[in-house]
Amino acid sequence: MSISSVIKSIQDIMRKDAGIDGDAQRLGQMSWLLFLKIFDAQEEELEFEQSDYQSPLPEQFLWRNWAADNQGITGEELLYFVNNKLFVELKNLYAPLDINPRGFVVKEALSDAFNYMKNGTLLRQVINKLNDIDFTNSEERHLFGDLYEQILKDLQSAGNAGEFYTPRAITRFIVDRIDPKLGESILDPACGTGGFLACSFDHVKNNYIKNNTTDLPILQRQIHGVEKKQLPHLLCTTNMLLHGIEVPTQIKHGNTLSKPLSSWDDEYDIIVTNPPFGGTEEDGIEKNFPTEYRTRETADLFLQLIIEVLKEPSAGKEGGRAAVVLPDGTLFGEGVKTKIKKLLTEECNLHTIVRLPNGVFAPYTSIKTNILFFTKGKPTTKVWFYEHPYPAGVKSYNKTKPMKFAEFQTEIDWWGTEADGFASRKTTEQAWQVSIDDIIARNFNLDIKNPHVGEVISHDPQELLADYSKQQADIQALRDQLKDILSAALASDGK
């Protein structure tokens, strides 16, 4: 039976349970069960490889001892065990990071997890379906990436998956261009389910691992992520386990922005991320940032953070490299956004902006997005823009026709190398460059249209709706800026 059919069967069973209300709870329920099953599969591998290995969990809470037997406990007995023993014990596990790091991972991953199911017989049926998947089988483990995508696509109707899902084609292109090496620290400060981190892990493993014994432990330690929400954090931790990271303690559960910017001691070689955009942070978060850059717009705060924590250049070594997905609003926005873009171009070499077409993130959002590539340590002298076109015959992306990695081959062939200042790059129908003097003259408005394309009037309803949505978003952004200006003025009058 394929993984996708197993998942469909599980969802069908869960729909019969009175305790589960909607797709989000189904995903939450499936996630902690998958986590415990995958964790135990890895435990068995560690026991096989290390004769003196001791499990970090009490024996009775390992999947094999309460769930693996399809004829095992069920009904009320199973519900009582899960609700009153399993969750109670694992959430309160004595697992200090320095003494019991894998136990610490379990405790963190399950900290906000919850058993929604109220029917123990149906819960047993779900567990038995999961037992059909063998996560010690490398082929089935490989398919898990597809499983994640399927689960997240199923969440679209719930309306809350867009915050932590980036199309795989974009993550692959970004990681391919940033090219993380063995030993370089890699951070995603808003890591969601771990797409960028898993892709970075695979990239280093496939391109730079020469000796598994010495190199793999280095790779396991160089992956870092932070995720605010419990469900994507749990999925990310599971994702890292599946990729062979035995102790993914560097996947933190928390809000990266809740720490004062001035108190960050850590620096990173690589930052790859798609921070949440269009939302605002809770009151007080903006106070963690310098007064002149304060805002509650999430993407703007993340961009400041990234500039701050990228590594400075050192003797014989370039500064840290970053690639960040950001909305058009960041490019053309004024006020605090202008100040942040000025900071970016002064502190970093913003060498490339890839302008993505409409529909890349459909149906989560119609907002147009861009990928900004920059390196810390040298100011920007010119910015190359590359407008990514739709493939021939495609007018928009959708659920059944998503963006494909192969589409980026033209960018990859054009890219060149930063070492020689991208000397090989040529102006094309899709690519053009703009000097920093022109950008300063534009008051750091980076929403620069392709000069090789005349204005095309479209009568396509989807495009017209997308343009209307963008105009509404622009109007709202201006209203928010006016509110900020008025609030600041009133606050200064009141002093």
Protein backbone atom coordinates (compact mmCIF):
# COMPACT_ATOMS: atom_id res chain seq x y z
CA MET A 1 0.00 0.00 0.00
CA SER A 2 1.36 3.46 -0.92
CA ILE A 3 1.96 6.13 1.71
CA SER A 4 -0.67 8.39 0.10
CA SER A 5 -3.33 5.68 0.34
CA VAL A 6 -2.37 5.04 3.99
CA ILE A 7 -2.81 8.74 4.75
CA LYS A 8 -6.16 8.85 2.96
CA SER A 9 -7.32 5.81 4.97
CA ILE A 10 -6.23 7.49 8.21
CA GLN A 11 -8.08 10.69 7.33
CA ASP A 12 -11.23 8.67 6.55
CA ILE A 13 -11.02 6.95 9.95
CA MET A 14 -10.48 10.26 11.77
CA ARG A 15 -13.54 11.80 10.13
CA LYS A 16 -15.64 9.28 12.07
CA ASP A 17 -14.26 10.45 15.43
CA ALA A 18 -16.34 13.00 17.35
CA GLY A 19 -13.25 14.59 18.91
CA ILE A 20 -11.65 15.74 15.69
CA ASP A 21 -12.92 18.96 14.16
CA GLY A 22 -11.45 19.78 10.75
CA ASP A 23 -8.23 19.36 8.78
CA ALA A 24 -5.96 21.18 11.23
CA GLN A 25 -6.80 18.77 14.09
CA ARG A 26 -6.44 15.77 11.77
CA LEU A 27 -2.96 16.94 10.86
CA GLY A 28 -2.09 17.60 14.51
CA GLN A 29 -3.27 14.13 15.54
CA MET A 30 -1.39 12.42 12.73
CA SER A 31 1.76 14.41 13.42
CA TRP A 32 2.42 13.32 17.00
CA LEU A 33 1.64 9.70 16.12
CA LEU A 34 4.05 9.82 13.17
CA PHE A 35 6.67 11.48 15.34
CA LEU A 36 6.57 8.73 17.99
CA LYS A 37 6.64 5.97 15.37
CA ILE A 38 9.58 7.52 13.51
CA PHE A 39 11.43 8.23 16.76
CA ASP A 40 11.15 4.57 17.74
CA ALA A 41 12.32 3.41 14.30
CA GLN A 42 15.44 5.53 14.81
CA GLU A 43 15.84 4.13 18.33
CA GLU A 44 15.93 0.61 16.87
CA GLU A 45 18.65 1.67 14.42
CA LEU A 46 20.72 3.20 17.23
CA GLU A 47 20.32 0.04 19.35
CA PHE A 48 21.50 -2.05 16.41
CA GLU A 49 24.54 0.18 15.79
CA GLN A 50 25.54 0.71 19.45
CA SER A 51 25.64 -2.32 21.74
CA ASP A 52 25.48 -0.17 24.91
CA TYR A 53 22.74 2.20 23.70
CA GLN A 54 20.17 3.24 26.33
CA SER A 55 16.79 4.59 25.24
CA PRO A 56 15.99 8.10 26.55
CA LEU A 57 12.35 7.08 27.17
CA PRO A 58 10.86 4.62 29.65
CA GLU A 59 10.40 1.29 27.83
CA GLN A 60 6.61 1.25 28.07
CA PHE A 61 6.31 4.50 26.05
CA LEU A 62 8.29 3.33 23.02
CA TRP A 63 5.99 2.80 20.03
CA ARG A 64 6.94 -0.89 19.78
CA ASN A 65 5.66 -1.56 23.31
CA TRP A 66 2.22 0.06 23.17
CA ALA A 67 1.31 0.61 19.50
CA ALA A 68 3.16 -1.80 17.20
CA ASP A 69 1.01 -4.86 18.00
CA ASN A 70 -2.11 -4.54 15.84
CA GLN A 71 -3.96 -6.76 18.34
CA GLY A 72 -2.75 -4.68 21.31
CA ILE A 73 -4.66 -2.44 23.69
CA THR A 74 -7.68 -0.66 22.21
CA GLY A 75 -10.90 1.10 23.18
CA GLU A 76 -11.09 2.80 26.58
CA GLU A 77 -7.88 1.11 27.75
CA LEU A 78 -5.92 2.69 24.87
CA LEU A 79 -7.49 6.12 25.43
CA TYR A 80 -6.66 6.00 29.16
CA PHE A 81 -3.06 4.99 28.41
CA VAL A 82 -2.54 7.77 25.84
CA ASN A 83 -4.25 10.57 27.77
CA ASN A 84 -3.23 9.71 31.35
CA LYS A 85 0.11 7.98 30.97
CA LEU A 86 1.83 8.56 27.60
CA PHE A 87 1.25 12.32 27.33
CA VAL A 88 1.59 12.98 31.06
CA GLU A 89 4.90 11.12 31.33
CA LEU A 90 6.49 12.41 28.10
CA LYS A 91 5.48 16.04 28.66
CA ASN A 92 6.97 15.87 32.17
CA LEU A 93 9.98 13.73 31.25
CA TYR A 94 13.16 14.54 33.18
CA ALA A 95 15.31 15.26 30.15
CA PRO A 96 17.92 18.02 30.56
CA LEU A 97 19.57 18.82 27.24
CA ASP A 98 23.07 17.97 28.47
CA ILE A 99 22.05 14.64 30.09
CA ASN A 100 19.26 13.27 27.88
CA PRO A 101 19.26 15.21 24.56
CA ARG A 102 17.00 12.79 22.63
CA GLY A 103 14.56 12.77 25.53
CA PHE A 104 14.69 16.58 25.44
CA VAL A 105 13.69 16.45 21.74
CA VAL A 106 10.64 14.30 22.58
CA LYS A 107 9.58 16.55 25.46
CA GLU A 108 9.89 19.70 23.30
CA ALA A 109 8.13 18.16 20.29
CA LEU A 110 5.15 17.01 22.35
CA SER A 111 4.98 20.05 24.65
CA ASP A 112 1.79 21.40 23.04
CA ALA A 113 0.59 18.25 21.25
CA PHE A 114 -2.81 16.84 22.14
CA ASN A 115 -4.83 13.67 21.58
CA TYR A 116 -8.03 14.88 19.94
CA MET A 117 -9.54 11.44 19.35
CA LYS A 118 -12.32 10.30 21.71
CA ASN A 119 -12.91 6.82 20.32
CA GLY A 120 -10.20 4.36 21.35
CA THR A 121 -11.25 1.79 18.76
CA LEU A 122 -10.85 4.34 15.93
CA LEU A 123 -7.51 5.42 17.44
CA ARG A 124 -6.34 1.79 17.28
CA GLN A 125 -7.40 1.65 13.62
CA VAL A 126 -5.32 4.77 12.87
CA ILE A 127 -2.30 3.31 14.68
CA ASN A 128 -2.63 0.05 12.75
CA LYS A 129 -2.64 1.97 9.46
CA LEU A 130 0.57 3.75 10.48
CA ASN A 131 2.09 0.36 11.24
CA ASP A 132 1.81 -0.34 7.50
CA ILE A 133 4.58 2.23 6.87
CA ASP A 134 8.14 1.03 7.49
CA PHE A 135 10.31 4.04 8.26
CA THR A 136 13.43 1.89 8.46
CA ASN A 137 12.94 1.26 4.74
CA SER A 138 14.99 3.88 2.86
CA GLU A 139 12.56 3.98 -0.06
CA GLU A 140 9.56 4.70 2.18
CA ARG A 141 11.60 7.22 4.13
CA HIS A 142 12.43 8.99 0.87
CA LEU A 143 8.70 9.20 0.04
CA PHE A 144 8.05 11.04 3.28
CA GLY A 145 8.86 14.38 1.61
CA ASP A 146 5.98 13.78 -0.78
CA LEU A 147 3.81 12.78 2.17
CA TYR A 148 4.52 16.12 3.88
CA GLU A 149 3.53 18.00 0.76
CA GLN A 150 0.31 16.03 0.49
CA ILE A 151 -0.60 16.64 4.13
CA LEU A 152 0.07 20.36 3.77
CA LYS A 153 -1.91 20.60 0.54
CA ASP A 154 -4.80 18.93 2.35
CA LEU A 155 -4.60 21.79 4.84
CA GLN A 156 -5.23 24.44 2.19
CA SER A 157 -8.93 24.44 2.90
CA ALA A 158 -8.15 25.09 6.56
CA GLY A 159 -6.51 28.33 5.47
CA ASN A 160 -3.52 28.22 7.81
CA ALA A 161 -0.84 26.28 5.95
CA GLY A 162 0.58 29.14 3.88
CA GLU A 163 2.56 30.43 6.82
CA PHE A 164 4.83 27.44 6.83
CA TYR A 165 4.81 25.93 3.37
CA THR A 166 7.15 26.98 0.55
CA PRO A 167 6.92 25.23 -2.84
CA ARG A 168 9.72 22.69 -3.16
CA ALA A 169 10.94 24.17 -6.47
CA ILE A 170 11.72 27.46 -4.71
CA THR A 171 13.51 25.86 -1.75
CA ARG A 172 15.64 23.77 -4.15
CA PHE A 173 16.54 26.77 -6.32
CA ILE A 174 17.47 28.92 -3.31
CA VAL A 175 19.63 26.23 -1.70
CA ASP A 176 21.24 25.40 -5.05
CA ARG A 177 22.28 29.05 -5.55
CA ILE A 178 23.37 29.69 -1.94
CA ASP A 179 25.36 26.42 -2.03
CA PRO A 180 25.92 25.68 1.70
CA LYS A 181 29.16 23.77 2.40
CA LEU A 182 30.10 21.23 5.07
CA GLY A 183 30.68 23.00 8.40
CA GLU A 184 28.81 26.21 7.50
CA SER A 185 26.12 27.02 10.07
CA ILE A 186 22.69 27.13 8.42
CA LEU A 187 19.69 28.93 9.95
CA ASP A 188 16.04 29.26 9.04
CA PRO A 189 14.59 31.65 11.68
CA ALA A 190 10.99 30.85 10.64
CA CYS A 191 11.51 27.23 9.65
CA GLY A 192 7.94 25.91 9.44
CA THR A 193 8.03 22.20 8.64
CA GLY A 194 11.73 22.38 7.76
CA GLY A 195 11.68 22.51 3.96
CA PHE A 196 14.72 24.78 3.66
CA LEU A 197 16.63 22.89 6.37
CA ALA A 198 15.91 19.45 4.87
CA CYS A 199 16.91 20.71 1.42
CA SER A 200 20.12 22.24 2.81
CA PHE A 201 20.93 18.99 4.64
CA ASP A 202 20.48 17.00 1.43
CA HIS A 203 22.55 19.51 -0.58
CA VAL A 204 25.54 19.29 1.78
CA LYS A 205 25.21 15.51 2.09
CA ASN A 206 25.07 14.96 -1.67
CA ASN A 207 27.83 17.42 -2.61
CA TYR A 208 30.30 17.71 0.26
CA ILE A 209 30.24 14.55 2.40
CA LYS A 210 33.38 12.51 1.74
CA ASN A 211 33.54 10.38 4.89
CA ASN A 212 30.29 9.45 6.67
CA THR A 213 32.02 8.72 9.97
CA THR A 214 33.70 12.11 10.31
CA ASP A 215 31.54 14.37 8.12
CA LEU A 216 27.96 13.38 9.04
CA PRO A 217 28.29 14.45 12.71
CA ILE A 218 29.47 17.88 11.48
CA LEU A 219 26.49 18.15 9.14
CA GLN A 220 24.06 17.17 11.92
CA ARG A 221 25.34 20.04 14.07
CA GLN A 222 25.23 22.76 11.41
CA ILE A 223 21.43 22.80 10.89
CA HIS A 224 19.50 25.35 13.01
CA GLY A 225 15.83 26.38 12.96
CA VAL A 226 13.23 28.20 15.05
CA GLU A 227 9.47 27.80 14.68
CA LYS A 228 6.83 29.68 16.63
CA LYS A 229 3.87 27.33 16.18
CA GLN A 230 3.62 23.90 17.76
CA LEU A 231 2.37 21.91 14.77
CA PRO A 232 4.98 22.94 12.19
CA HIS A 233 7.67 22.65 14.90
CA LEU A 234 6.64 19.04 15.52
CA LEU A 235 6.61 18.34 11.77
CA CYS A 236 10.04 19.96 11.36
CA THR A 237 11.53 17.90 14.20
CA THR A 238 10.09 14.74 12.60
CA ASN A 239 11.49 15.83 9.24
CA MET A 240 14.97 16.22 10.75
CA LEU A 241 14.76 12.77 12.39
CA LEU A 242 13.89 11.29 9.00
CA HIS A 243 16.89 12.98 7.46
CA GLY A 244 19.13 11.21 9.96
CA ILE A 245 19.68 13.99 12.49
CA GLU A 246 19.70 11.91 15.67
CA VAL A 247 19.39 14.81 18.10
CA PRO A 248 17.63 17.75 16.39
CA THR A 249 17.90 19.96 19.47
CA GLN A 250 18.83 22.91 17.25
CA ILE A 251 15.19 23.04 16.09
CA LYS A 252 13.83 25.44 18.69
CA HIS A 253 10.17 26.00 19.57
CA GLY A 254 9.70 29.73 20.02
CA ASN A 255 9.46 33.14 18.37
CA THR A 256 12.82 34.24 16.93
CA LEU A 257 11.72 37.87 17.18
CA SER A 258 11.03 37.76 20.93
CA LYS A 259 14.73 38.19 21.78
CA PRO A 260 16.26 41.72 21.74
CA LEU A 261 18.31 42.18 18.57
CA SER A 262 21.23 43.56 20.58
CA SER A 263 21.46 40.36 22.66
CA TRP A 264 22.13 38.01 19.71
CA ASP A 265 25.61 36.52 20.09
CA ASP A 266 25.22 33.80 17.45
CA GLU A 267 26.21 34.45 13.85
CA TYR A 268 25.42 32.23 10.87
CA ASP A 269 27.15 31.49 7.58
CA ILE A 270 23.89 30.78 5.74
CA ILE A 271 20.31 32.00 6.22
CA VAL A 272 17.59 30.65 3.93
CA THR A 273 13.99 31.46 4.79
CA ASN A 274 10.49 32.44 3.76
CA PRO A 275 9.38 34.48 6.79
CA PRO A 276 5.65 35.05 7.38
CA PHE A 277 4.46 38.18 5.60
CA GLY A 278 1.30 40.22 5.62
CA GLY A 279 0.88 39.71 9.38
CA THR A 280 1.72 41.77 12.43
CA GLU A 281 3.52 40.77 15.61
CA GLU A 282 2.04 40.94 19.09
CA ASP A 283 2.39 44.15 21.11
CA GLY A 284 5.87 44.67 22.52
CA ILE A 285 7.84 42.56 20.04
CA GLU A 286 8.88 45.69 18.12
CA LYS A 287 10.64 46.95 21.28
CA ASN A 288 13.31 44.27 20.71
CA PHE A 289 14.50 46.33 17.73
CA PRO A 290 16.24 49.74 17.44
CA THR A 291 13.82 52.67 17.72
CA GLU A 292 14.26 53.92 14.15
CA TYR A 293 13.49 50.46 12.69
CA ARG A 294 10.50 49.59 14.85
CA THR A 295 7.45 48.12 13.14
CA ARG A 296 5.00 45.31 13.82
CA GLU A 297 5.18 43.96 10.25
CA THR A 298 6.64 40.47 10.61
CA ALA A 299 8.63 40.31 7.34
CA ASP A 300 10.34 43.68 8.08
CA LEU A 301 11.43 42.51 11.52
CA PHE A 302 12.81 39.25 10.12
CA LEU A 303 14.80 41.12 7.46
CA GLN A 304 16.45 43.23 10.19
CA LEU A 305 17.21 40.11 12.20
CA ILE A 306 18.79 38.37 9.21
CA ILE A 307 21.05 41.35 8.45
CA GLU A 308 22.14 41.38 12.12
CA VAL A 309 22.92 37.68 12.60
CA LEU A 310 24.67 36.96 9.29
CA LYS A 311 28.41 36.44 9.88
CA GLU A 312 30.71 39.38 9.35
CA PRO A 313 33.62 38.75 6.95
CA SER A 314 36.82 37.65 8.69
CA ALA A 315 40.43 37.12 7.62
CA GLY A 316 40.34 35.33 4.30
CA LYS A 317 36.62 34.51 4.61
CA GLU A 318 33.59 36.10 2.99
CA GLY A 319 30.63 37.24 5.05
CA GLY A 320 27.46 35.22 5.56
CA ARG A 321 25.10 34.56 2.63
CA ALA A 322 21.30 34.82 2.68
CA ALA A 323 18.31 34.22 0.44
CA VAL A 324 14.93 35.46 1.63
CA VAL A 325 11.44 35.29 0.10
CA LEU A 326 9.71 38.65 0.52
CA PRO A 327 6.50 40.25 -0.85
CA ASP A 328 6.33 43.15 -3.31
CA GLY A 329 5.23 45.33 -0.39
CA THR A 330 8.75 45.18 1.07
CA LEU A 331 10.23 46.31 -2.26
CA PHE A 332 8.05 49.39 -2.78
CA GLY A 333 7.11 50.19 0.85
CA GLU A 334 8.20 53.45 2.45
CA GLY A 335 8.75 54.74 5.97
CA VAL A 336 10.44 52.11 8.14
CA LYS A 337 10.70 49.84 5.08
CA THR A 338 12.88 52.47 3.35
CA LYS A 339 15.20 52.63 6.36
CA ILE A 340 15.53 48.83 6.46
CA LYS A 341 16.33 48.67 2.72
CA LYS A 342 18.94 51.42 3.18
CA LEU A 343 20.45 49.38 6.03
CA LEU A 344 20.41 46.24 3.85
CA THR A 345 22.24 47.89 0.94
CA GLU A 346 24.81 49.51 3.28
CA GLU A 347 25.57 46.39 5.35
CA CYS A 348 25.24 43.78 2.59
CA ASN A 349 25.79 43.26 -1.10
CA LEU A 350 22.23 42.84 -2.38
CA HIS A 351 23.42 41.34 -5.64
CA THR A 352 20.27 39.66 -7.02
CA ILE A 353 16.49 39.95 -6.83
CA VAL A 354 14.53 37.20 -8.57
CA ARG A 355 11.01 38.44 -9.28
CA LEU A 356 8.55 35.55 -9.14
CA PRO A 357 5.32 35.50 -11.17
CA ASN A 358 1.80 35.53 -9.79
CA GLY A 359 0.40 32.32 -8.37
CA VAL A 360 3.61 30.78 -6.99
CA PHE A 361 2.00 30.55 -3.55
CA ALA A 362 -1.55 29.98 -4.78
CA PRO A 363 -3.97 29.24 -3.30
CA TYR A 364 -2.46 30.47 0.00
CA THR A 365 -2.00 34.03 -1.26
CA SER A 366 -2.07 35.99 -4.52
CA ILE A 367 0.59 38.42 -3.24
CA LYS A 368 3.54 38.67 -5.65
CA THR A 369 6.84 37.58 -4.14
CA ASN A 370 10.57 37.96 -4.73
CA ILE A 371 13.76 36.20 -3.66
CA LEU A 372 16.46 38.54 -2.34
CA PHE A 373 20.04 37.20 -2.41
CA PHE A 374 22.65 39.09 -0.40
CA THR A 375 26.05 38.71 1.29
CA LYS A 376 27.12 40.47 4.50
CA GLY A 377 30.14 42.74 4.67
CA LYS A 378 30.28 44.83 1.49
CA PRO A 379 27.87 47.59 0.47
CA THR A 380 25.72 47.17 -2.62
CA THR A 381 26.99 48.83 -5.81
CA LYS A 382 24.43 47.39 -8.22
CA VAL A 383 21.47 45.03 -8.09
CA TRP A 384 20.70 42.48 -10.78
CA PHE A 385 17.01 41.76 -11.34
CA TYR A 386 15.78 38.58 -12.97
CA GLU A 387 12.10 38.27 -13.87
CA HIS A 388 11.16 34.61 -13.73
CA PRO A 389 8.72 33.92 -16.60
CA TYR A 390 5.95 31.37 -16.75
CA PRO A 391 6.93 28.29 -18.77
CA ALA A 392 5.62 28.15 -22.35
CA GLY A 393 1.89 27.48 -22.42
CA VAL A 394 1.39 28.26 -18.69
CA LYS A 395 -0.65 31.30 -17.60
CA SER A 396 -0.63 30.63 -13.87
CA TYR A 397 0.30 28.00 -11.28
CA ASN A 398 -2.25 26.03 -9.29
CA LYS A 399 -2.61 22.98 -7.09
CA THR A 400 -2.37 20.54 -10.00
CA LYS A 401 0.26 22.52 -11.95
CA PRO A 402 2.80 23.82 -9.42
CA MET A 403 6.11 25.48 -10.22
CA LYS A 404 8.90 23.02 -11.15
CA PHE A 405 12.61 23.24 -10.29
CA ALA A 406 13.55 22.71 -13.97
CA GLU A 407 12.08 26.15 -14.74
CA PHE A 408 14.99 27.77 -12.91
CA GLN A 409 17.60 26.31 -15.27
CA THR A 410 17.79 29.57 -17.24
CA GLU A 411 18.63 31.48 -14.02
CA ILE A 412 21.19 28.83 -13.05
CA ASP A 413 22.89 29.01 -16.48
CA TRP A 414 22.94 32.84 -16.28
CA TRP A 415 23.99 33.11 -12.62
CA GLY A 416 27.81 33.19 -12.65
CA THR A 417 29.82 33.55 -9.44
CA GLU A 418 30.03 36.18 -6.73
CA ALA A 419 33.82 35.74 -6.52
CA ASP A 420 34.27 37.79 -9.72
CA GLY A 421 31.30 40.06 -9.09
CA PHE A 422 29.08 38.04 -11.45
CA ALA A 423 31.18 39.27 -14.39
CA SER A 424 29.66 36.69 -16.74
CA ARG A 425 26.09 37.97 -16.34
CA LYS A 426 24.46 39.44 -19.40
CA THR A 427 21.44 41.67 -19.81
CA THR A 428 18.61 39.66 -21.37
CA GLU A 429 14.86 39.92 -21.92
CA GLN A 430 14.51 38.69 -18.32
CA ALA A 431 17.61 40.20 -16.66
CA TRP A 432 18.67 43.81 -16.04
CA GLN A 433 20.84 45.70 -13.55
CA VAL A 434 20.30 48.90 -11.59
CA SER A 435 23.02 50.96 -9.90
CA ILE A 436 22.86 51.84 -6.22
CA ASP A 437 22.80 55.54 -7.22
CA ASP A 438 19.57 54.95 -9.15
CA ILE A 439 18.14 53.01 -6.20
CA ILE A 440 19.02 55.84 -3.80
CA ALA A 441 17.38 58.32 -6.21
CA ARG A 442 14.26 56.15 -6.08
CA ASN A 443 14.27 56.41 -2.26
CA PHE A 444 15.16 52.69 -2.11
CA ASN A 445 12.04 51.61 -3.99
CA LEU A 446 13.16 48.21 -5.33
CA ASP A 447 9.90 47.52 -7.17
CA ILE A 448 11.64 48.04 -10.52
CA LYS A 449 9.80 46.78 -13.61
CA ASN A 450 11.47 44.88 -16.42
CA PRO A 451 12.61 47.59 -18.89
CA HIS A 452 12.47 45.11 -21.78
CA VAL A 453 8.74 44.47 -21.49
CA GLY A 454 6.15 47.05 -22.50
CA GLU A 455 3.00 47.35 -20.44
CA VAL A 456 0.66 44.51 -21.31
CA ILE A 457 -3.03 44.99 -20.64
CA SER A 458 -4.50 41.73 -19.42
CA HIS A 459 -8.16 40.79 -19.48
CA ASP A 460 -7.59 37.52 -17.64
CA PRO A 461 -10.01 37.46 -14.64
CA GLN A 462 -7.47 35.79 -12.33
CA GLU A 463 -4.80 38.39 -13.14
CA LEU A 464 -7.28 41.25 -12.75
CA LEU A 465 -8.35 39.88 -9.35
CA ALA A 466 -4.70 39.48 -8.32
CA ASP A 467 -3.99 43.10 -9.39
CA TYR A 468 -7.04 44.27 -7.43
CA SER A 469 -5.83 42.35 -4.35
CA LYS A 470 -2.38 43.94 -4.70
CA GLN A 471 -3.91 47.41 -4.98
CA GLN A 472 -5.97 46.77 -1.85
CA ALA A 473 -2.86 45.52 -0.04
CA ASP A 474 -0.95 48.65 -1.16
CA ILE A 475 -3.77 50.89 0.08
CA GLN A 476 -3.83 49.07 3.43
CA ALA A 477 -0.03 49.40 3.70
CA LEU A 478 -0.34 53.16 3.15
CA ARG A 479 -3.12 53.38 5.75
CA ASP A 480 -0.93 51.50 8.24
CA GLN A 481 1.97 53.87 7.53
CA LEU A 482 -0.29 56.90 8.08
CA LYS A 483 -1.52 55.38 11.35
CA ASP A 484 2.11 54.88 12.49
CA ILE A 485 3.01 58.48 11.54
CA LEU A 486 -0.07 59.88 13.34
CA SER A 487 0.53 57.70 16.41
CA ALA A 488 4.15 58.85 16.57
CA ALA A 489 3.09 62.48 16.17
CA LEU A 490 0.45 62.23 18.88
CA ALA A 491 2.88 60.43 21.19
CA SER A 492 5.49 63.18 20.74
CA ASP A 493 2.83 65.91 21.32
CA GLY A 494 1.80 64.21 24.52
CA LYS A 495 5.28 64.25 26.03
